PDB file of N, CA and C in Angstrom:
ATOM      1  N   MET A   1       0.927  -1.190   0.177  1.00  0.00           N
ATOM      2  CA  MET A   1      -0.293  -0.172   0.085  1.00  0.00           C
ATOM      3  C   MET A   1       0.905   1.444   0.083  1.00  0.00           C
ATOM      4  N   LEU A   2       1.721   1.429   0.832  1.00  0.00           N
ATOM      5  CA  LEU A   2       2.596   2.578   0.580  1.00  0.00           C
ATOM      6  C   LEU A   2       3.588   2.696  -0.079  1.00  0.00           C
ATOM      7  N   ARG A   3       3.947   1.630  -1.080  1.00  0.00           N
ATOM      8  CA  ARG A   3       4.225   1.859  -2.481  1.00  0.00           C
ATOM      9  C   ARG A   3       3.575   2.662  -3.159  1.00  0.00           C
ATOM     10  N   HIS A   4       2.535   1.996  -3.539  1.00  0.00           N
ATOM     11  CA  HIS A   4       1.492   2.559  -4.203  1.00  0.00           C
ATOM     12  C   HIS A   4       1.064   3.832  -4.044  1.00  0.00           C
ATOM     13  N   LEU A   5       0.949   4.300  -2.775  1.00  0.00           N
ATOM     14  CA  LEU A   5       0.442   5.653  -2.207  1.00  0.00           C
ATOM     15  C   LEU A   5       1.576   6.510  -2.815  1.00  0.00           C
ATOM     16  N   THR A   6       2.984   6.293  -2.476  1.00  0.00           N
ATOM     17  CA  THR A   6       4.328   7.235  -2.850  1.00  0.00           C
ATOM     18  C   THR A   6       4.965   6.992  -3.929  1.00  0.00           C
ATOM     19  N   ILE A   7       4.915   5.754  -4.391  1.00  0.00           N
ATOM     20  CA  ILE A   7       6.108   5.787  -5.789  1.00  0.00           C
ATOM     21  C   ILE A   7       4.859   5.758  -6.996  1.00  0.00           C
ATOM     22  N   ASP A   8       3.973   4.294  -7.110  1.00  0.00           N
ATOM     23  CA  ASP A   8       3.256   4.531  -8.187  1.00  0.00           C
ATOM     24  C   ASP A   8       2.378   5.533  -8.334  1.00  0.00           C
ATOM     25  N   ASP A   9       1.823   5.779  -7.463  1.00  0.00           N
ATOM     26  CA  ASP A   9       0.800   6.933  -7.977  1.00  0.00           C
ATOM     27  C   ASP A   9       1.169   8.345  -8.270  1.00  0.00           C
ATOM     28  N   HIS A  10       2.870   8.769  -8.185  1.00  0.00           N
ATOM     29  CA  HIS A  10       3.592   9.841  -8.220  1.00  0.00           C
ATOM     30  C   HIS A  10       4.756   9.384  -9.201  1.00  0.00           C
ATOM     31  N   GLU A  11       4.533   8.298 -10.278  1.00  0.00           N
ATOM     32  CA  GLU A  11       5.358   7.880 -11.021  1.00  0.00           C
ATOM     33  C   GLU A  11       5.941   8.972 -11.763  1.00  0.00           C
ATOM     34  N   PRO A  12       5.018   9.759 -12.845  1.00  0.00           N
ATOM     35  CA  PRO A  12       5.791  10.933 -13.208  1.00  0.00           C
ATOM     36  C   PRO A  12       6.538  12.093 -12.406  1.00  0.00           C
ATOM     37  N   GLY A  13       5.745  12.235 -11.384  1.00  0.00           N
ATOM     38  CA  GLY A  13       6.505  13.042 -10.654  1.00  0.00           C
ATOM     39  C   GLY A  13       7.745  12.439 -10.294  1.00  0.00           C
ATOM     40  N   TRP A  14       7.935  11.417  -9.693  1.00  0.00           N
ATOM     41  CA  TRP A  14       9.243  10.561  -9.968  1.00  0.00           C
ATOM     42  C   TRP A  14      10.567  11.057 -11.027  1.00  0.00           C
ATOM     43  N   ARG A  15       9.800  10.605 -12.130  1.00  0.00           N
ATOM     44  CA  ARG A  15      10.549  10.929 -13.410  1.00  0.00           C
ATOM     45  C   ARG A  15      10.963  12.348 -13.726  1.00  0.00           C
ATOM     46  N   ASP A  16       9.883  13.233 -13.498  1.00  0.00           N
ATOM     47  CA  ASP A  16      10.693  14.516 -13.358  1.00  0.00           C
ATOM     48  C   ASP A  16      11.692  15.064 -12.348  1.00  0.00           C
ATOM     49  N   ALA A  17      11.436  14.460 -10.843  1.00  0.00           N
ATOM     50  CA  ALA A  17      12.532  14.593 -10.081  1.00  0.00           C
ATOM     51  C   ALA A  17      14.060  13.954 -10.305  1.00  0.00           C
ATOM     52  N   MET A  18      13.911  13.153 -10.630  1.00  0.00           N
ATOM     53  CA  MET A  18      15.026  12.382 -11.054  1.00  0.00           C
ATOM     54  C   MET A  18      15.754  12.869 -12.286  1.00  0.00           C
ATOM     55  N   ALA A  19      15.198  13.448 -13.003  1.00  0.00           N
ATOM     56  CA  ALA A  19      15.774  14.264 -14.417  1.00  0.00           C
ATOM     57  C   ALA A  19      16.153  15.740 -13.966  1.00  0.00           C
ATOM     58  N   ARG A  20      15.936  16.289 -13.137  1.00  0.00           N
ATOM     59  CA  ARG A  20      16.269  17.572 -12.699  1.00  0.00           C
ATOM     60  C   ARG A  20      16.856  17.634 -11.949  1.00  0.00           C
ATOM     61  N   ILE A  21      17.184  16.430 -10.942  1.00  0.00           N
ATOM     62  CA  ILE A  21      18.958  15.937 -10.061  1.00  0.00           C
ATOM     63  C   ILE A  21      20.208  15.759 -11.155  1.00  0.00           C
ATOM     64  N   ALA A  22      19.710  14.813 -12.322  1.00  0.00           N
ATOM     65  CA  ALA A  22      20.347  14.079 -13.227  1.00  0.00           C
ATOM     66  C   ALA A  22      21.449  15.738 -13.655  1.00  0.00           C
ATOM     67  N   ALA A  23      20.215  16.425 -14.193  1.00  0.00           N
ATOM     68  CA  ALA A  23      20.847  17.910 -14.949  1.00  0.00           C
ATOM     69  C   ALA A  23      21.254  18.804 -13.866  1.00  0.00           C
ATOM     70  N   ASN A  24      21.243  19.115 -12.711  1.00  0.00           N
ATOM     71  CA  ASN A  24      21.410  19.873 -11.801  1.00  0.00           C
ATOM     72  C   ASN A  24      22.796  19.906 -11.166  1.00  0.00           C
ATOM     73  N   PRO A  25      23.906  20.598 -11.547  1.00  0.00           N
ATOM     74  CA  PRO A  25      25.109  20.130 -10.910  1.00  0.00           C
ATOM     75  C   PRO A  25      25.491  20.489  -9.427  1.00  0.00           C
ATOM     76  N   ALA A  26      24.369  20.890  -9.010  1.00  0.00           N
ATOM     77  CA  ALA A  26      24.758  21.353  -7.412  1.00  0.00           C
ATOM     78  C   ALA A  26      24.405  19.686  -6.802  1.00  0.00           C
ATOM     79  N   TYR A  27      23.924  18.649  -7.535  1.00  0.00           N
ATOM     80  CA  TYR A  27      23.582  17.401  -6.915  1.00  0.00           C
ATOM     81  C   TYR A  27      25.030  16.716  -7.106  1.00  0.00           C
ATOM     82  N   ARG A  28      25.805  17.066  -8.160  1.00  0.00           N
ATOM     83  CA  ARG A  28      27.046  16.390  -7.793  1.00  0.00           C
ATOM     84  C   ARG A  28      26.789  15.024  -8.519  1.00  0.00           C
ATOM     85  N   GLN A  29      26.068  14.886  -9.825  1.00  0.00           N
ATOM     86  CA  GLN A  29      26.105  13.627  -9.943  1.00  0.00           C
ATOM     87  C   GLN A  29      25.307  12.340  -9.518  1.00  0.00           C
ATOM     88  N   PHE A  30      24.729  12.572  -8.409  1.00  0.00           N
ATOM     89  CA  PHE A  30      23.745  11.836  -7.587  1.00  0.00           C
ATOM     90  C   PHE A  30      22.884  11.344  -8.607  1.00  0.00           C
ATOM     91  N   VAL A  31      22.262  10.085  -8.529  1.00  0.00           N
ATOM     92  CA  VAL A  31      21.666   9.197  -9.020  1.00  0.00           C
ATOM     93  C   VAL A  31      20.300   9.089  -8.447  1.00  0.00           C
ATOM     94  N   LEU A  32      19.299   9.485  -8.529  1.00  0.00           N
ATOM     95  CA  LEU A  32      17.967   9.511  -7.706  1.00  0.00           C
ATOM     96  C   LEU A  32      17.412   8.241  -7.921  1.00  0.00           C
ATOM     97  N   MET A  33      16.524   7.553  -7.411  1.00  0.00           N
ATOM     98  CA  MET A  33      15.995   6.146  -7.329  1.00  0.00           C
ATOM     99  C   MET A  33      14.554   6.795  -6.466  1.00  0.00           C
ATOM    100  N   PRO A  34      13.243   6.065  -7.035  1.00  0.00           N
ATOM    101  CA  PRO A  34      12.297   6.350  -6.539  1.00  0.00           C
ATOM    102  C   PRO A  34      12.131   6.064  -4.776  1.00  0.00           C
ATOM    103  N   GLN A  35      11.898   6.579  -3.550  1.00  0.00           N
ATOM    104  CA  GLN A  35      12.003   6.271  -2.602  1.00  0.00           C
ATOM    105  C   GLN A  35      10.793   6.163  -1.593  1.00  0.00           C
ATOM    106  N   LEU A  36      10.709   4.736  -1.203  1.00  0.00           N
ATOM    107  CA  LEU A  36       9.505   4.789  -0.520  1.00  0.00           C
ATOM    108  C   LEU A  36       9.300   5.446   0.502  1.00  0.00           C
ATOM    109  N   GLY A  37       8.024   5.699   0.638  1.00  0.00           N
ATOM    110  CA  GLY A  37       7.486   6.671   1.811  1.00  0.00           C
ATOM    111  C   GLY A  37       7.707   7.912   1.601  1.00  0.00           C
ATOM    112  N   LEU A  38       8.451   8.341   0.416  1.00  0.00           N
ATOM    113  CA  LEU A  38       8.340   9.841  -0.253  1.00  0.00           C
ATOM    114  C   LEU A  38       7.476   9.896  -1.368  1.00  0.00           C
ATOM    115  N   ILE A  39       7.289  11.402  -1.269  1.00  0.00           N
ATOM    116  CA  ILE A  39       6.267  12.083  -2.536  1.00  0.00           C
ATOM    117  C   ILE A  39       7.222  13.365  -2.910  1.00  0.00           C
ATOM    118  N   PRO A  40       7.536  12.978  -4.399  1.00  0.00           N
ATOM    119  CA  PRO A  40       8.457  14.049  -4.991  1.00  0.00           C
ATOM    120  C   PRO A  40       7.187  15.521  -4.798  1.00  0.00           C
ATOM    121  N   LEU A  41       8.108  16.602  -4.519  1.00  0.00           N
ATOM    122  CA  LEU A  41       6.808  17.644  -4.674  1.00  0.00           C
ATOM    123  C   LEU A  41       7.642  19.048  -5.614  1.00  0.00           C
ATOM    124  N   GLY A  42       8.944  18.611  -5.983  1.00  0.00           N
ATOM    125  CA  GLY A  42       9.422  19.358  -7.044  1.00  0.00           C
ATOM    126  C   GLY A  42      10.420  20.253  -6.108  1.00  0.00           C
ATOM    127  N   PRO A  43      11.072  21.150  -7.429  1.00  0.00           N
ATOM    128  CA  PRO A  43      11.883  21.928  -6.406  1.00  0.00           C
ATOM    129  C   PRO A  43      11.265  23.112  -5.553  1.00  0.00           C
ATOM    130  N   GLY A  44      12.006  23.280  -4.494  1.00  0.00           N
ATOM    131  CA  GLY A  44      11.764  24.552  -3.383  1.00  0.00           C
ATOM    132  C   GLY A  44      11.525  25.990  -4.615  1.00  0.00           C
ATOM    133  N   PRO A  45      10.664  26.724  -3.982  1.00  0.00           N
ATOM    134  CA  PRO A  45      10.548  28.161  -4.858  1.00  0.00           C
ATOM    135  C   PRO A  45      11.725  29.139  -4.347  1.00  0.00           C
ATOM    136  N   ASP A  46      12.444  28.909  -3.540  1.00  0.00           N
ATOM    137  CA  ASP A  46      13.743  29.883  -2.849  1.00  0.00           C
ATOM    138  C   ASP A  46      15.048  29.229  -3.259  1.00  0.00           C
ATOM    139  N   SER A  47      15.129  27.847  -2.648  1.00  0.00           N
ATOM    140  CA  SER A  47      16.341  27.445  -2.665  1.00  0.00           C
ATOM    141  C   SER A  47      16.384  26.347  -4.067  1.00  0.00           C
ATOM    142  N   GLN A  48      15.565  25.964  -5.164  1.00  0.00           N
ATOM    143  CA  GLN A  48      15.124  25.217  -6.040  1.00  0.00           C
ATOM    144  C   GLN A  48      15.878  23.733  -5.544  1.00  0.00           C
ATOM    145  N   LEU A  49      16.299  23.362  -4.817  1.00  0.00           N
ATOM    146  CA  LEU A  49      16.788  22.143  -4.409  1.00  0.00           C
ATOM    147  C   LEU A  49      15.186  21.589  -4.492  1.00  0.00           C
ATOM    148  N   GLU A  50      15.397  20.062  -4.685  1.00  0.00           N
ATOM    149  CA  GLU A  50      14.178  19.128  -4.697  1.00  0.00           C
ATOM    150  C   GLU A  50      13.515  18.970  -2.982  1.00  0.00           C
ATOM    151  N   GLU A  51      12.395  18.730  -3.440  1.00  0.00           N
ATOM    152  CA  GLU A  51      11.630  18.390  -1.885  1.00  0.00           C
ATOM    153  C   GLU A  51      10.624  17.624  -2.046  1.00  0.00           C
ATOM    154  N   PHE A  52      10.410  16.687  -0.784  1.00  0.00           N
ATOM    155  CA  PHE A  52       9.758  15.442  -0.575  1.00  0.00           C
ATOM    156  C   PHE A  52       8.506  15.808   0.489  1.00  0.00           C
ATOM    157  N   ALA A  53       8.070  15.282   0.314  1.00  0.00           N
ATOM    158  CA  ALA A  53       6.572  14.801   1.435  1.00  0.00           C
ATOM    159  C   ALA A  53       6.744  13.758   2.021  1.00  0.00           C
ATOM    160  N   ALA A  54       6.430  13.151   3.212  1.00  0.00           N
ATOM    161  CA  ALA A  54       6.451  12.034   3.988  1.00  0.00           C
ATOM    162  C   ALA A  54       5.211  11.891   4.068  1.00  0.00           C
ATOM    163  N   PRO A  55       4.158  11.325   3.484  1.00  0.00           N
ATOM    164  CA  PRO A  55       2.717  11.463   3.847  1.00  0.00           C
ATOM    165  C   PRO A  55       2.553  10.574   5.232  1.00  0.00           C
ATOM    166  N   GLN A  56       3.349   9.626   5.673  1.00  0.00           N
ATOM    167  CA  GLN A  56       2.948   8.874   6.629  1.00  0.00           C
ATOM    168  C   GLN A  56       3.003   9.986   8.255  1.00  0.00           C
ATOM    169  N   THR A  57       3.917  11.003   7.591  1.00  0.00           N
ATOM    170  CA  THR A  57       4.072  11.636   9.204  1.00  0.00           C
ATOM    171  C   THR A  57       3.063  12.548   9.508  1.00  0.00           C
ATOM    172  N   GLY A  58       2.107  12.489   8.261  1.00  0.00           N
ATOM    173  CA  GLY A  58       1.206  13.998   8.145  1.00  0.00           C
ATOM    174  C   GLY A  58       0.819  14.728   6.870  1.00  0.00           C
ATOM    175  N   GLU A  59       0.118  15.560   7.093  1.00  0.00           N
ATOM    176  CA  GLU A  59      -0.396  16.122   5.882  1.00  0.00           C
ATOM    177  C   GLU A  59       0.482  16.822   4.895  1.00  0.00           C
ATOM    178  N   VAL A  60       0.331  16.312   3.462  1.00  0.00           N
ATOM    179  CA  VAL A  60       1.242  16.639   2.304  1.00  0.00           C
ATOM    180  C   VAL A  60       0.800  18.307   2.518  1.00  0.00           C
ATOM    181  N   ARG A  61       2.035  18.981   2.173  1.00  0.00           N
ATOM    182  CA  ARG A  61       2.342  20.587   1.961  1.00  0.00           C
ATOM    183  C   ARG A  61       1.767  20.671   0.646  1.00  0.00           C
ATOM    184  N   ASN A  62       1.379  21.992   0.767  1.00  0.00           N
ATOM    185  CA  ASN A  62       0.790  22.359  -0.664  1.00  0.00           C
ATOM    186  C   ASN A  62       2.589  22.660  -1.441  1.00  0.00           C
ATOM    187  N   VAL A  63       2.503  22.401  -3.027  1.00  0.00           N
ATOM    188  CA  VAL A  63       4.139  22.714  -3.528  1.00  0.00           C
ATOM    189  C   VAL A  63       4.128  23.952  -3.535  1.00  0.00           C
ATOM    190  N   ALA A  64       3.641  24.705  -3.611  1.00  0.00           N
ATOM    191  CA  ALA A  64       3.493  26.377  -3.774  1.00  0.00           C
ATOM    192  C   ALA A  64       4.027  26.759  -2.431  1.00  0.00           C
ATOM    193  N   MET A  65       3.607  26.131  -0.857  1.00  0.00           N
ATOM    194  CA  MET A  65       4.124  26.496  -0.013  1.00  0.00           C
ATOM    195  C   MET A  65       5.384  25.586   0.672  1.00  0.00           C
ATOM    196  N   ALA A  66       6.157  24.843  -0.272  1.00  0.00           N
ATOM    197  CA  ALA A  66       7.098  24.023   0.134  1.00  0.00           C
ATOM    198  C   ALA A  66       8.177  24.717   0.192  1.00  0.00           C
ATOM    199  N   GLY A  67       9.124  24.684   1.396  1.00  0.00           N
ATOM    200  CA  GLY A  67      10.533  25.299   1.576  1.00  0.00           C
ATOM    201  C   GLY A  67      10.282  26.589   2.117  1.00  0.00           C
ATOM    202  N   ARG A  68       8.916  27.434   2.189  1.00  0.00           N
ATOM    203  CA  ARG A  68       8.850  28.721   2.893  1.00  0.00           C
ATOM    204  C   ARG A  68       8.585  28.746   4.121  1.00  0.00           C
ATOM    205  N   ARG A  69       8.793  29.919   4.913  1.00  0.00           N
ATOM    206  CA  ARG A  69       8.668  29.744   6.170  1.00  0.00           C
ATOM    207  C   ARG A  69       7.515  30.638   6.279  1.00  0.00           C
ATOM    208  N   LEU A  70       6.553  30.517   7.137  1.00  0.00           N
ATOM    209  CA  LEU A  70       5.646  31.311   7.175  1.00  0.00           C
ATOM    210  C   LEU A  70       5.788  32.448   8.133  1.00  0.00           C
ATOM    211  N   VAL A  71       5.197  33.752   7.673  1.00  0.00           N
ATOM    212  CA  VAL A  71       5.810  35.073   8.719  1.00  0.00           C
ATOM    213  C   VAL A  71       4.521  35.537   9.116  1.00  0.00           C
ATOM    214  N   ARG A  72       4.171  35.877  10.286  1.00  0.00           N
ATOM    215  CA  ARG A  72       3.371  36.534  10.742  1.00  0.00           C
ATOM    216  C   ARG A  72       3.235  37.846  10.872  1.00  0.00           C
TER     217      ARG A  72
END
């Protein structure tokens, strides 16, 4: 069930994340494989580094808010 939720249901996201990481020199030729228990969110809006959600720990954040601190 966890594989289906985090890998199979997000196959296009994993393909995109793997391609972005392979093309980004900041990752120094790291080869990403889909990770059980994580969901790719895409690059963070400020850092441009890949971000992932761990759905078993709670609510999956909105991609637009990933990597940002809330300021009151």
